[in-house]
PDB file of N, CA and C in Angstrom:
ATOM      1  N   MET A   1       9.052 -13.917  -6.774  1.00  0.00           N
ATOM      2  CA  MET A   1       9.645 -13.198  -7.843  1.00  0.00           C
ATOM      3  C   MET A   1      10.727 -12.417  -7.212  1.00  0.00           C
ATOM      4  N   ASN A   2      12.156 -12.991  -8.011  1.00  0.00           N
ATOM      5  CA  ASN A   2      13.155 -12.598  -7.587  1.00  0.00           C
ATOM      6  C   ASN A   2      13.864 -11.870  -8.713  1.00  0.00           C
ATOM      7  N   THR A   3      14.877 -11.431  -8.237  1.00  0.00           N
ATOM      8  CA  THR A   3      15.862 -10.284  -8.989  1.00  0.00           C
ATOM      9  C   THR A   3      15.704 -10.568 -10.584  1.00  0.00           C
ATOM     10  N   ALA A   4      15.743 -11.748 -10.570  1.00  0.00           N
ATOM     11  CA  ALA A   4      15.870 -12.740 -12.394  1.00  0.00           C
ATOM     12  C   ALA A   4      14.241 -12.450 -13.097  1.00  0.00           C
ATOM     13  N   ASP A   5      13.202 -12.277 -12.085  1.00  0.00           N
ATOM     14  CA  ASP A   5      12.184 -11.962 -12.474  1.00  0.00           C
ATOM     15  C   ASP A   5      11.162 -11.039 -12.815  1.00  0.00           C
ATOM     16  N   ILE A   6      12.468  -9.848 -12.453  1.00  0.00           N
ATOM     17  CA  ILE A   6      11.818  -8.264 -12.574  1.00  0.00           C
ATOM     18  C   ILE A   6      11.853  -8.125 -14.443  1.00  0.00           C
ATOM     19  N   PRO A   7      11.242  -8.156 -14.984  1.00  0.00           N
ATOM     20  CA  PRO A   7      10.862  -7.676 -16.311  1.00  0.00           C
ATOM     21  C   PRO A   7      12.071  -6.666 -16.997  1.00  0.00           C
ATOM     22  N   GLU A   8      12.575  -7.166 -17.598  1.00  0.00           N
ATOM     23  CA  GLU A   8      14.194  -6.444 -17.950  1.00  0.00           C
ATOM     24  C   GLU A   8      13.201  -5.054 -18.475  1.00  0.00           C
ATOM     25  N   THR A   9      12.526  -4.884 -18.903  1.00  0.00           N
ATOM     26  CA  THR A   9      11.898  -3.933 -19.953  1.00  0.00           C
ATOM     27  C   THR A   9      11.174  -2.509 -18.940  1.00  0.00           C
ATOM     28  N   LEU A  10      11.597  -3.136 -17.503  1.00  0.00           N
ATOM     29  CA  LEU A  10      11.186  -1.917 -16.422  1.00  0.00           C
ATOM     30  C   LEU A  10      12.460  -1.390 -16.097  1.00  0.00           C
ATOM     31  N   PRO A  11      11.951   0.360 -15.934  1.00  0.00           N
ATOM     32  CA  PRO A  11      13.131   1.180 -15.734  1.00  0.00           C
ATOM     33  C   PRO A  11      14.184   0.342 -14.794  1.00  0.00           C
ATOM     34  N   HIS A  12      15.250   0.972 -14.831  1.00  0.00           N
ATOM     35  CA  HIS A  12      16.147   0.586 -13.639  1.00  0.00           C
ATOM     36  C   HIS A  12      16.156   1.219 -12.264  1.00  0.00           C
ATOM     37  N   HIS A  13      15.423   2.690 -11.930  1.00  0.00           N
ATOM     38  CA  HIS A  13      15.123   2.683 -11.091  1.00  0.00           C
ATOM     39  C   HIS A  13      13.732   2.507 -10.218  1.00  0.00           C
ATOM     40  N   LYS A  14      13.018   1.377 -11.564  1.00  0.00           N
ATOM     41  CA  LYS A  14      11.536   0.740 -10.650  1.00  0.00           C
ATOM     42  C   LYS A  14      12.033  -0.573 -10.240  1.00  0.00           C
ATOM     43  N   ARG A  15      13.061  -1.407 -11.108  1.00  0.00           N
ATOM     44  CA  ARG A  15      13.997  -2.603 -10.474  1.00  0.00           C
ATOM     45  C   ARG A  15      14.326  -2.443  -8.895  1.00  0.00           C
ATOM     46  N   LYS A  16      15.012  -0.820  -9.163  1.00  0.00           N
ATOM     47  CA  LYS A  16      15.677  -0.747  -7.528  1.00  0.00           C
ATOM     48  C   LYS A  16      14.448  -1.033  -6.581  1.00  0.00           C
ATOM     49  N   SER A  17      13.515  -0.216  -7.046  1.00  0.00           N
ATOM     50  CA  SER A  17      12.913  -0.179  -5.909  1.00  0.00           C
ATOM     51  C   SER A  17      11.632  -1.030  -5.426  1.00  0.00           C
ATOM     52  N   ILE A  18      11.785  -2.266  -6.464  1.00  0.00           N
ATOM     53  CA  ILE A  18      11.273  -3.292  -6.163  1.00  0.00           C
ATOM     54  C   ILE A  18      12.236  -4.502  -5.155  1.00  0.00           C
ATOM     55  N   GLU A  19      13.290  -4.300  -5.626  1.00  0.00           N
ATOM     56  CA  GLU A  19      14.071  -5.217  -4.663  1.00  0.00           C
ATOM     57  C   GLU A  19      14.608  -4.108  -3.374  1.00  0.00           C
ATOM     58  N   ARG A  20      14.556  -2.980  -2.918  1.00  0.00           N
ATOM     59  CA  ARG A  20      14.176  -2.484  -1.647  1.00  0.00           C
ATOM     60  C   ARG A  20      12.894  -2.891  -1.259  1.00  0.00           C
ATOM     61  N   VAL A  21      11.721  -3.317  -2.259  1.00  0.00           N
ATOM     62  CA  VAL A  21      10.689  -3.524  -1.330  1.00  0.00           C
ATOM     63  C   VAL A  21      10.626  -4.840  -0.797  1.00  0.00           C
ATOM     64  N   ARG A  22      11.144  -5.613  -1.738  1.00  0.00           N
ATOM     65  CA  ARG A  22      11.542  -7.312  -1.259  1.00  0.00           C
ATOM     66  C   ARG A  22      12.207  -7.068   0.055  1.00  0.00           C
ATOM     67  N   THR A  23      13.416  -6.465   0.304  1.00  0.00           N
ATOM     68  CA  THR A  23      14.096  -6.399   1.109  1.00  0.00           C
ATOM     69  C   THR A  23      13.595  -6.360   2.530  1.00  0.00           C
ATOM     70  N   VAL A  24      12.822  -5.313   2.321  1.00  0.00           N
ATOM     71  CA  VAL A  24      12.155  -4.724   3.694  1.00  0.00           C
ATOM     72  C   VAL A  24      10.903  -5.251   4.046  1.00  0.00           C
ATOM     73  N   SER A  25      10.429  -5.822   2.894  1.00  0.00           N
ATOM     74  CA  SER A  25       9.168  -6.966   3.666  1.00  0.00           C
ATOM     75  C   SER A  25       9.809  -8.023   4.190  1.00  0.00           C
ATOM     76  N   ARG A  26      10.337  -8.984   3.452  1.00  0.00           N
ATOM     77  CA  ARG A  26      11.012 -10.369   3.724  1.00  0.00           C
ATOM     78  C   ARG A  26      11.822  -9.594   5.424  1.00  0.00           C
ATOM     79  N   LEU A  27      12.510  -8.584   5.553  1.00  0.00           N
ATOM     80  CA  LEU A  27      12.876  -7.992   6.785  1.00  0.00           C
ATOM     81  C   LEU A  27      11.915  -8.509   7.980  1.00  0.00           C
ATOM     82  N   LEU A  28      10.545  -7.456   7.431  1.00  0.00           N
ATOM     83  CA  LEU A  28       9.311  -6.852   8.748  1.00  0.00           C
ATOM     84  C   LEU A  28       8.512  -8.443   8.768  1.00  0.00           C
ATOM     85  N   ASP A  29       8.001  -9.259   7.587  1.00  0.00           N
ATOM     86  CA  ASP A  29       7.558 -10.364   7.418  1.00  0.00           C
ATOM     87  C   ASP A  29       8.024 -11.819   7.732  1.00  0.00           C
ATOM     88  N   GLU A  30       9.078 -12.058   7.346  1.00  0.00           N
ATOM     89  CA  GLU A  30      10.417 -13.425   6.718  1.00  0.00           C
ATOM     90  C   GLU A  30      10.977 -13.508   7.392  1.00  0.00           C
ATOM     91  N   ALA A  31      11.677 -12.737   7.834  1.00  0.00           N
ATOM     92  CA  ALA A  31      13.186 -12.925   8.643  1.00  0.00           C
ATOM     93  C   ALA A  31      13.880 -13.972   8.826  1.00  0.00           C
ATOM     94  N   PHE A  32      12.786 -14.692   9.866  1.00  0.00           N
ATOM     95  CA  PHE A  32      13.229 -15.765  10.494  1.00  0.00           C
ATOM     96  C   PHE A  32      12.413 -16.992  10.515  1.00  0.00           C
ATOM     97  N   ARG A  33      12.674 -18.284  10.385  1.00  0.00           N
ATOM     98  CA  ARG A  33      12.079 -19.454  10.273  1.00  0.00           C
ATOM     99  C   ARG A  33      11.517 -20.103  11.526  1.00  0.00           C
ATOM    100  N   ILE A  34      10.516 -20.070  12.046  1.00  0.00           N
ATOM    101  CA  ILE A  34      11.032 -20.798  13.621  1.00  0.00           C
ATOM    102  C   ILE A  34      10.827 -22.071  13.726  1.00  0.00           C
ATOM    103  N   PRO A  35      11.731 -22.641  14.760  1.00  0.00           N
ATOM    104  CA  PRO A  35      12.611 -24.090  14.472  1.00  0.00           C
ATOM    105  C   PRO A  35      11.260 -25.209  14.309  1.00  0.00           C
ATOM    106  N   GLY A  36      11.972 -25.990  13.636  1.00  0.00           N
ATOM    107  CA  GLY A  36      10.923 -26.747  13.396  1.00  0.00           C
ATOM    108  C   GLY A  36       9.180 -27.425  12.954  1.00  0.00           C
ATOM    109  N   THR A  37       9.183 -25.702  11.953  1.00  0.00           N
ATOM    110  CA  THR A  37       8.257 -25.359  11.365  1.00  0.00           C
ATOM    111  C   THR A  37       8.399 -24.558  10.025  1.00  0.00           C
ATOM    112  N   GLN A  38       7.169 -24.265   9.197  1.00  0.00           N
ATOM    113  CA  GLN A  38       7.890 -23.690   7.919  1.00  0.00           C
ATOM    114  C   GLN A  38       7.533 -22.165   8.207  1.00  0.00           C
ATOM    115  N   PHE A  39       7.136 -22.293   9.405  1.00  0.00           N
ATOM    116  CA  PHE A  39       6.446 -20.575   9.521  1.00  0.00           C
ATOM    117  C   PHE A  39       7.533 -19.997   9.883  1.00  0.00           C
ATOM    118  N   ARG A  40       7.380 -18.580   8.897  1.00  0.00           N
ATOM    119  CA  ARG A  40       8.556 -17.498   9.238  1.00  0.00           C
ATOM    120  C   ARG A  40       8.011 -16.239   9.584  1.00  0.00           C
ATOM    121  N   VAL A  41       8.440 -15.430  10.399  1.00  0.00           N
ATOM    122  CA  VAL A  41       8.091 -14.052  11.178  1.00  0.00           C
ATOM    123  C   VAL A  41       9.346 -12.948  11.009  1.00  0.00           C
ATOM    124  N   GLY A  42       9.057 -11.784  11.215  1.00  0.00           N
ATOM    125  CA  GLY A  42      10.074 -11.002  10.907  1.00  0.00           C
ATOM    126  C   GLY A  42      10.241 -10.050  11.993  1.00  0.00           C
ATOM    127  N   LEU A  43      10.613  -8.670  11.741  1.00  0.00           N
ATOM    128  CA  LEU A  43      10.266  -7.870  12.727  1.00  0.00           C
ATOM    129  C   LEU A  43       9.404  -7.054  12.936  1.00  0.00           C
ATOM    130  N   ASP A  44       8.540  -7.278  12.345  1.00  0.00           N
ATOM    131  CA  ASP A  44       7.418  -6.675  13.011  1.00  0.00           C
ATOM    132  C   ASP A  44       6.505  -7.236  13.937  1.00  0.00           C
ATOM    133  N   PRO A  45       6.225  -8.703  14.166  1.00  0.00           N
ATOM    134  CA  PRO A  45       5.788  -8.592  16.039  1.00  0.00           C
ATOM    135  C   PRO A  45       6.678  -8.670  16.751  1.00  0.00           C
ATOM    136  N   ILE A  46       7.825  -9.018  16.460  1.00  0.00           N
ATOM    137  CA  ILE A  46       8.881  -8.167  17.711  1.00  0.00           C
ATOM    138  C   ILE A  46       8.511  -7.112  18.148  1.00  0.00           C
ATOM    139  N   LEU A  47       9.003  -5.751  16.973  1.00  0.00           N
ATOM    140  CA  LEU A  47       9.036  -4.750  17.283  1.00  0.00           C
ATOM    141  C   LEU A  47       7.554  -4.445  18.247  1.00  0.00           C
ATOM    142  N   GLY A  48       6.417  -5.553  17.429  1.00  0.00           N
ATOM    143  CA  GLY A  48       5.146  -4.566  18.311  1.00  0.00           C
ATOM    144  C   GLY A  48       5.207  -5.187  19.695  1.00  0.00           C
ATOM    145  N   LEU A  49       6.345  -5.854  20.260  1.00  0.00           N
ATOM    146  CA  LEU A  49       6.193  -6.336  21.981  1.00  0.00           C
ATOM    147  C   LEU A  49       6.447  -4.853  22.330  1.00  0.00           C
ATOM    148  N   LEU A  50       7.253  -4.144  21.825  1.00  0.00           N
ATOM    149  CA  LEU A  50       7.818  -2.709  22.324  1.00  0.00           C
ATOM    150  C   LEU A  50       6.670  -1.915  22.631  1.00  0.00           C
ATOM    151  N   PRO A  51       5.999  -1.218  23.737  1.00  0.00           N
ATOM    152  CA  PRO A  51       5.304  -0.382  23.718  1.00  0.00           C
ATOM    153  C   PRO A  51       4.957   0.687  23.248  1.00  0.00           C
ATOM    154  N   VAL A  52       3.790   1.233  22.616  1.00  0.00           N
ATOM    155  CA  VAL A  52       3.728   2.364  21.632  1.00  0.00           C
ATOM    156  C   VAL A  52       4.683   2.381  20.575  1.00  0.00           C
ATOM    157  N   GLY A  53       6.051   2.697  21.068  1.00  0.00           N
ATOM    158  CA  GLY A  53       7.172   2.793  20.092  1.00  0.00           C
ATOM    159  C   GLY A  53       7.291   1.718  19.044  1.00  0.00           C
ATOM    160  N   GLY A  54       7.047   0.823  19.464  1.00  0.00           N
ATOM    161  CA  GLY A  54       7.466  -0.751  18.420  1.00  0.00           C
ATOM    162  C   GLY A  54       6.449  -0.528  17.113  1.00  0.00           C
ATOM    163  N   ASP A  55       5.499  -0.199  17.855  1.00  0.00           N
ATOM    164  CA  ASP A  55       4.075  -0.085  16.605  1.00  0.00           C
ATOM    165  C   ASP A  55       4.140   0.971  15.754  1.00  0.00           C
ATOM    166  N   LEU A  56       4.992   2.169  16.077  1.00  0.00           N
ATOM    167  CA  LEU A  56       4.711   2.921  15.506  1.00  0.00           C
ATOM    168  C   LEU A  56       6.097   2.994  14.430  1.00  0.00           C
ATOM    169  N   ALA A  57       7.536   2.776  15.103  1.00  0.00           N
ATOM    170  CA  ALA A  57       8.226   2.217  14.142  1.00  0.00           C
ATOM    171  C   ALA A  57       7.995   1.206  13.028  1.00  0.00           C
ATOM    172  N   SER A  58       7.432   0.324  13.514  1.00  0.00           N
ATOM    173  CA  SER A  58       6.763  -1.027  12.658  1.00  0.00           C
ATOM    174  C   SER A  58       6.321  -0.052  11.275  1.00  0.00           C
ATOM    175  N   ALA A  59       4.899   0.407  11.607  1.00  0.00           N
ATOM    176  CA  ALA A  59       3.862   1.240  10.948  1.00  0.00           C
ATOM    177  C   ALA A  59       4.259   2.512   9.886  1.00  0.00           C
ATOM    178  N   LEU A  60       5.715   2.997  10.263  1.00  0.00           N
ATOM    179  CA  LEU A  60       6.625   3.854   9.577  1.00  0.00           C
ATOM    180  C   LEU A  60       7.161   3.209   8.614  1.00  0.00           C
ATOM    181  N   ILE A  61       7.923   1.804   8.805  1.00  0.00           N
ATOM    182  CA  ILE A  61       8.458   1.384   8.258  1.00  0.00           C
ATOM    183  C   ILE A  61       7.760   0.673   7.132  1.00  0.00           C
ATOM    184  N   SER A  62       6.561   0.161   7.473  1.00  0.00           N
ATOM    185  CA  SER A  62       5.650  -0.003   6.304  1.00  0.00           C
ATOM    186  C   SER A  62       4.953   0.899   5.352  1.00  0.00           C
ATOM    187  N   LEU A  63       4.876   1.930   5.814  1.00  0.00           N
ATOM    188  CA  LEU A  63       4.478   3.232   5.049  1.00  0.00           C
ATOM    189  C   LEU A  63       5.310   2.977   3.964  1.00  0.00           C
ATOM    190  N   TYR A  64       6.986   2.668   4.208  1.00  0.00           N
ATOM    191  CA  TYR A  64       7.958   2.913   3.376  1.00  0.00           C
ATOM    192  C   TYR A  64       7.609   2.123   1.775  1.00  0.00           C
ATOM    193  N   VAL A  65       7.262   0.660   2.140  1.00  0.00           N
ATOM    194  CA  VAL A  65       6.347  -0.084   0.974  1.00  0.00           C
ATOM    195  C   VAL A  65       5.246   1.064   0.352  1.00  0.00           C
ATOM    196  N   ALA A  66       4.432   1.260   0.915  1.00  0.00           N
ATOM    197  CA  ALA A  66       3.362   1.744   0.023  1.00  0.00           C
ATOM    198  C   ALA A  66       3.904   3.368  -0.374  1.00  0.00           C
ATOM    199  N   PHE A  67       4.964   3.845   0.195  1.00  0.00           N
ATOM    200  CA  PHE A  67       5.321   5.034  -0.240  1.00  0.00           C
ATOM    201  C   PHE A  67       6.489   4.498  -1.827  1.00  0.00           C
ATOM    202  N   GLU A  68       6.689   3.519  -2.103  1.00  0.00           N
ATOM    203  CA  GLU A  68       7.074   3.201  -3.460  1.00  0.00           C
ATOM    204  C   GLU A  68       6.424   2.634  -4.305  1.00  0.00           C
ATOM    205  N   GLY A  69       5.229   2.279  -3.341  1.00  0.00           N
ATOM    206  CA  GLY A  69       4.285   1.985  -4.310  1.00  0.00           C
ATOM    207  C   GLY A  69       3.614   3.137  -5.190  1.00  0.00           C
ATOM    208  N   TYR A  70       3.653   4.163  -4.350  1.00  0.00           N
ATOM    209  CA  TYR A  70       3.081   5.800  -4.875  1.00  0.00           C
ATOM    210  C   TYR A  70       3.938   6.209  -5.911  1.00  0.00           C
ATOM    211  N   ARG A  71       5.152   5.677  -5.929  1.00  0.00           N
ATOM    212  CA  ARG A  71       6.675   6.287  -6.526  1.00  0.00           C
ATOM    213  C   ARG A  71       6.569   5.705  -7.423  1.00  0.00           C
ATOM    214  N   MET A  72       5.997   4.625  -7.878  1.00  0.00           N
ATOM    215  CA  MET A  72       5.846   3.570  -9.171  1.00  0.00           C
ATOM    216  C   MET A  72       4.517   3.526  -9.961  1.00  0.00           C
ATOM    217  N   ASP A  73       3.891   4.782  -9.424  1.00  0.00           N
ATOM    218  CA  ASP A  73       3.015   5.265 -10.231  1.00  0.00           C
ATOM    219  C   ASP A  73       1.501   4.148  -9.804  1.00  0.00           C
ATOM    220  N   VAL A  74       1.495   3.178  -9.164  1.00  0.00           N
ATOM    221  CA  VAL A  74       0.339   2.160  -8.571  1.00  0.00           C
ATOM    222  C   VAL A  74      -0.856   2.741  -8.636  1.00  0.00           C
ATOM    223  N   PRO A  75      -1.591   2.412  -9.383  1.00  0.00           N
ATOM    224  CA  PRO A  75      -3.260   3.259  -9.225  1.00  0.00           C
ATOM    225  C   PRO A  75      -3.762   3.571  -8.603  1.00  0.00           C
ATOM    226  N   ARG A  76      -4.848   4.284  -7.952  1.00  0.00           N
ATOM    227  CA  ARG A  76      -5.010   4.412  -6.397  1.00  0.00           C
ATOM    228  C   ARG A  76      -5.614   3.479  -5.488  1.00  0.00           C
ATOM    229  N   HIS A  77      -6.547   3.337  -6.097  1.00  0.00           N
ATOM    230  CA  HIS A  77      -7.236   1.764  -5.767  1.00  0.00           C
ATOM    231  C   HIS A  77      -6.227   0.602  -5.366  1.00  0.00           C
ATOM    232  N   VAL A  78      -5.243   0.885  -5.673  1.00  0.00           N
ATOM    233  CA  VAL A  78      -4.053  -0.511  -5.327  1.00  0.00           C
ATOM    234  C   VAL A  78      -3.361   0.422  -3.836  1.00  0.00           C
ATOM    235  N   LEU A  79      -2.995   1.654  -4.036  1.00  0.00           N
ATOM    236  CA  LEU A  79      -2.004   2.507  -3.099  1.00  0.00           C
ATOM    237  C   LEU A  79      -2.741   2.259  -1.747  1.00  0.00           C
ATOM    238  N   ALA A  80      -4.426   2.434  -2.236  1.00  0.00           N
ATOM    239  CA  ALA A  80      -5.719   2.409  -0.681  1.00  0.00           C
ATOM    240  C   ALA A  80      -5.612   0.849  -0.529  1.00  0.00           C
ATOM    241  N   ARG A  81      -5.890   0.154  -1.302  1.00  0.00           N
ATOM    242  CA  ARG A  81      -4.868  -1.488  -0.256  1.00  0.00           C
ATOM    243  C   ARG A  81      -4.295  -1.646   0.341  1.00  0.00           C
ATOM    244  N   MET A  82      -2.947  -0.771  -0.035  1.00  0.00           N
ATOM    245  CA  MET A  82      -1.781  -1.060   0.458  1.00  0.00           C
ATOM    246  C   MET A  82      -1.499  -0.148   1.851  1.00  0.00           C
ATOM    247  N   LEU A  83      -2.027   0.873   1.942  1.00  0.00           N
ATOM    248  CA  LEU A  83      -2.396   1.974   3.039  1.00  0.00           C
ATOM    249  C   LEU A  83      -3.660   0.776   3.937  1.00  0.00           C
ATOM    250  N   ALA A  84      -4.155   0.579   3.794  1.00  0.00           N
ATOM    251  CA  ALA A  84      -5.447  -0.200   4.343  1.00  0.00           C
ATOM    252  C   ALA A  84      -4.876  -1.590   4.984  1.00  0.00           C
ATOM    253  N   ASN A  85      -3.959  -2.243   4.683  1.00  0.00           N
ATOM    254  CA  ASN A  85      -3.408  -3.161   4.720  1.00  0.00           C
ATOM    255  C   ASN A  85      -2.304  -2.672   5.833  1.00  0.00           C
ATOM    256  N   VAL A  86      -1.705  -1.665   5.845  1.00  0.00           N
ATOM    257  CA  VAL A  86      -0.980  -1.359   7.308  1.00  0.00           C
ATOM    258  C   VAL A  86      -1.619  -0.803   8.496  1.00  0.00           C
ATOM    259  N   ALA A  87      -2.617   0.066   7.743  1.00  0.00           N
ATOM    260  CA  ALA A  87      -3.832   0.840   8.895  1.00  0.00           C
ATOM    261  C   ALA A  87      -4.114  -0.375   9.876  1.00  0.00           C
ATOM    262  N   ILE A  88      -4.608  -1.974   8.975  1.00  0.00           N
ATOM    263  CA  ILE A  88      -4.875  -3.157   9.971  1.00  0.00           C
ATOM    264  C   ILE A  88      -3.883  -3.806  10.570  1.00  0.00           C
ATOM    265  N   ASP A  89      -2.424  -3.295  10.159  1.00  0.00           N
ATOM    266  CA  ASP A  89      -1.539  -3.988  10.970  1.00  0.00           C
ATOM    267  C   ASP A  89      -1.263  -3.313  12.074  1.00  0.00           C
ATOM    268  N   THR A  90      -1.787  -2.061  11.884  1.00  0.00           N
ATOM    269  CA  THR A  90      -1.076  -0.779  12.957  1.00  0.00           C
ATOM    270  C   THR A  90      -1.795  -1.085  13.703  1.00  0.00           C
ATOM    271  N   PHE A  91      -2.984  -1.003  14.015  1.00  0.00           N
ATOM    272  CA  PHE A  91      -4.350  -0.687  14.790  1.00  0.00           C
ATOM    273  C   PHE A  91      -4.660  -2.362  15.481  1.00  0.00           C
ATOM    274  N   ALA A  92      -4.751  -3.435  14.847  1.00  0.00           N
ATOM    275  CA  ALA A  92      -5.139  -4.363  15.520  1.00  0.00           C
ATOM    276  C   ALA A  92      -3.073  -5.216  16.103  1.00  0.00           C
ATOM    277  N   GLY A  93      -2.155  -4.805  15.292  1.00  0.00           N
ATOM    278  CA  GLY A  93      -1.186  -5.265  16.469  1.00  0.00           C
ATOM    279  C   GLY A  93      -0.614  -4.460  17.385  1.00  0.00           C
ATOM    280  N   SER A  94      -1.608  -3.510  17.339  1.00  0.00           N
ATOM    281  CA  SER A  94      -1.356  -2.613  19.211  1.00  0.00           C
ATOM    282  C   SER A  94      -1.557  -3.473  20.231  1.00  0.00           C
ATOM    283  N   VAL A  95      -2.744  -3.892  20.018  1.00  0.00           N
ATOM    284  CA  VAL A  95      -3.219  -4.582  21.477  1.00  0.00           C
ATOM    285  C   VAL A  95      -1.862  -5.846  21.915  1.00  0.00           C
ATOM    286  N   PRO A  96      -1.898  -5.508  23.296  1.00  0.00           N
ATOM    287  CA  PRO A  96      -1.216  -5.734  23.801  1.00  0.00           C
ATOM    288  C   PRO A  96      -0.846  -7.951  23.567  1.00  0.00           C
ATOM    289  N   VAL A  97       0.007  -7.785  23.652  1.00  0.00           N
ATOM    290  CA  VAL A  97       0.483  -9.615  22.857  1.00  0.00           C
ATOM    291  C   VAL A  97      -0.225 -10.456  22.146  1.00  0.00           C
ATOM    292  N   LEU A  98      -1.579 -10.151  21.992  1.00  0.00           N
ATOM    293  CA  LEU A  98      -2.639 -10.863  20.610  1.00  0.00           C
ATOM    294  C   LEU A  98      -2.164 -10.170  19.716  1.00  0.00           C
ATOM    295  N   GLY A  99      -2.050  -8.564  19.555  1.00  0.00           N
ATOM    296  CA  GLY A  99      -1.485  -8.249  18.763  1.00  0.00           C
ATOM    297  C   GLY A  99       0.168  -8.764  17.834  1.00  0.00           C
ATOM    298  N   SER A 100       0.759  -8.828  18.568  1.00  0.00           N
ATOM    299  CA  SER A 100       2.119  -9.426  17.680  1.00  0.00           C
ATOM    300  C   SER A 100       1.886 -10.927  17.055  1.00  0.00           C
ATOM    301  N   ILE A 101       0.633 -11.466  17.869  1.00  0.00           N
ATOM    302  CA  ILE A 101       0.208 -12.768  17.446  1.00  0.00           C
ATOM    303  C   ILE A 101      -0.186 -12.560  15.445  1.00  0.00           C
ATOM    304  N   PHE A 102      -1.699 -11.254  16.251  1.00  0.00           N
ATOM    305  CA  PHE A 102      -1.827 -11.205  14.697  1.00  0.00           C
ATOM    306  C   PHE A 102      -0.899 -10.529  13.599  1.00  0.00           C
ATOM    307  N   ASP A 103       0.127  -9.925  13.630  1.00  0.00           N
ATOM    308  CA  ASP A 103       0.964  -9.017  13.265  1.00  0.00           C
ATOM    309  C   ASP A 103       2.186 -10.700  12.474  1.00  0.00           C
ATOM    310  N   ALA A 104       2.564 -11.528  13.204  1.00  0.00           N
ATOM    311  CA  ALA A 104       3.242 -12.740  12.714  1.00  0.00           C
ATOM    312  C   ALA A 104       2.276 -13.404  11.726  1.00  0.00           C
ATOM    313  N   ALA A 105       0.899 -12.861  11.691  1.00  0.00           N
ATOM    314  CA  ALA A 105       0.367 -13.891  10.817  1.00  0.00           C
ATOM    315  C   ALA A 105      -0.720 -13.032   9.777  1.00  0.00           C
ATOM    316  N   TRP A 106      -0.952 -11.931  10.071  1.00  0.00           N
ATOM    317  CA  TRP A 106      -1.014 -10.640   9.102  1.00  0.00           C
ATOM    318  C   TRP A 106      -0.338 -10.455   7.457  1.00  0.00           C
ATOM    319  N   LYS A 107       1.199 -10.142   7.735  1.00  0.00           N
ATOM    320  CA  LYS A 107       1.857 -10.253   6.782  1.00  0.00           C
ATOM    321  C   LYS A 107       1.330  -9.060   6.107  1.00  0.00           C
ATOM    322  N   ALA A 108       1.068  -7.743   6.794  1.00  0.00           N
ATOM    323  CA  ALA A 108       0.672  -6.677   5.495  1.00  0.00           C
ATOM    324  C   ALA A 108       1.659  -6.137   4.585  1.00  0.00           C
ATOM    325  N   ASN A 109       3.427  -6.349   5.334  1.00  0.00           N
ATOM    326  CA  ASN A 109       4.673  -5.419   3.813  1.00  0.00           C
ATOM    327  C   ASN A 109       4.552  -6.906   2.990  1.00  0.00           C
ATOM    328  N   ARG A 110       4.079  -8.409   3.596  1.00  0.00           N
ATOM    329  CA  ARG A 110       4.156  -9.133   1.996  1.00  0.00           C
ATOM    330  C   ARG A 110       2.921  -9.372   1.028  1.00  0.00           C
ATOM    331  N   LYS A 111       1.834  -8.547   2.000  1.00  0.00           N
ATOM    332  CA  LYS A 111       0.679  -8.617   1.279  1.00  0.00           C
ATOM    333  C   LYS A 111       0.936  -7.268  -0.101  1.00  0.00           C
ATOM    334  N   ASN A 112       1.872  -6.217   0.688  1.00  0.00           N
ATOM    335  CA  ASN A 112       1.255  -5.122  -0.251  1.00  0.00           C
ATOM    336  C   ASN A 112       2.805  -5.501  -1.165  1.00  0.00           C
ATOM    337  N   ARG A 113       3.795  -6.131  -0.922  1.00  0.00           N
ATOM    338  CA  ARG A 113       5.101  -6.375  -2.006  1.00  0.00           C
ATOM    339  C   ARG A 113       4.009  -7.339  -2.807  1.00  0.00           C
ATOM    340  N   SER A 114       3.210  -8.148  -2.959  1.00  0.00           N
ATOM    341  CA  SER A 114       2.615  -8.812  -3.967  1.00  0.00           C
ATOM    342  C   SER A 114       1.556  -7.774  -5.093  1.00  0.00           C
ATOM    343  N   LEU A 115       0.934  -6.942  -4.105  1.00  0.00           N
ATOM    344  CA  LEU A 115       0.187  -5.851  -4.641  1.00  0.00           C
ATOM    345  C   LEU A 115       0.809  -5.398  -5.533  1.00  0.00           C
ATOM    346  N   LEU A 116       2.025  -4.885  -5.218  1.00  0.00           N
ATOM    347  CA  LEU A 116       3.151  -3.887  -6.274  1.00  0.00           C
ATOM    348  C   LEU A 116       4.164  -4.569  -7.510  1.00  0.00           C
ATOM    349  N   GLU A 117       4.094  -5.736  -6.919  1.00  0.00           N
ATOM    350  CA  GLU A 117       4.674  -6.960  -8.348  1.00  0.00           C
ATOM    351  C   GLU A 117       3.241  -7.481  -9.331  1.00  0.00           C
ATOM    352  N   ARG A 118       2.090  -7.052  -8.823  1.00  0.00           N
ATOM    353  CA  ARG A 118       1.316  -7.654  -9.598  1.00  0.00           C
ATOM    354  C   ARG A 118       1.167  -6.192 -10.348  1.00  0.00           C
ATOM    355  N   HIS A 119       1.294  -5.470  -9.846  1.00  0.00           N
ATOM    356  CA  HIS A 119       0.786  -3.744 -10.523  1.00  0.00           C
ATOM    357  C   HIS A 119       1.889  -3.831 -11.659  1.00  0.00           C
ATOM    358  N   VAL A 120       3.362  -4.520 -11.377  1.00  0.00           N
ATOM    359  CA  VAL A 120       4.640  -4.173 -12.369  1.00  0.00           C
ATOM    360  C   VAL A 120       4.532  -5.052 -13.165  1.00  0.00           C
ATOM    361  N   GLU A 121       3.956  -6.358 -12.937  1.00  0.00           N
ATOM    362  CA  GLU A 121       3.801  -7.706 -14.341  1.00  0.00           C
ATOM    363  C   GLU A 121       2.947  -6.566 -15.586  1.00  0.00           C
ATOM    364  N   ARG A 122       1.413  -6.455 -14.806  1.00  0.00           N
ATOM    365  CA  ARG A 122       0.220  -5.660 -15.701  1.00  0.00           C
ATOM    366  C   ARG A 122       0.803  -4.773 -16.725  1.00  0.00           C
ATOM    367  N   TYR A 123       1.881  -3.712 -16.048  1.00  0.00           N
ATOM    368  CA  TYR A 123       2.105  -2.708 -16.882  1.00  0.00           C
ATOM    369  C   TYR A 123       3.686  -2.824 -17.363  1.00  0.00           C
TER     370      TYR A 123
END
């Protein structure tokens, strides 16, 4: 979904919300392509390399995506899945070194963006 594929019938504030979620999720999960591959990583695994504070900062930013879902009135089960994705990302990502590898593969923010966009497409 790019900006053009956000439904025109969606209120302006919800369109802007989706744009912000896309920006944050791209920054955290897909900002950089690893040279010579098609694999992309974002700031999430990089922040995870910083002891304690990096994972906490990443979790707080990831919670923003879930908060936007809450503001857009996603169903509780969708919000619960979004929060579970953040929790898995945070706790598994807190393991030194291996956690950053997990963060690079798990991409909780991309998953949450997808959940939010599917919700918007249905309603």
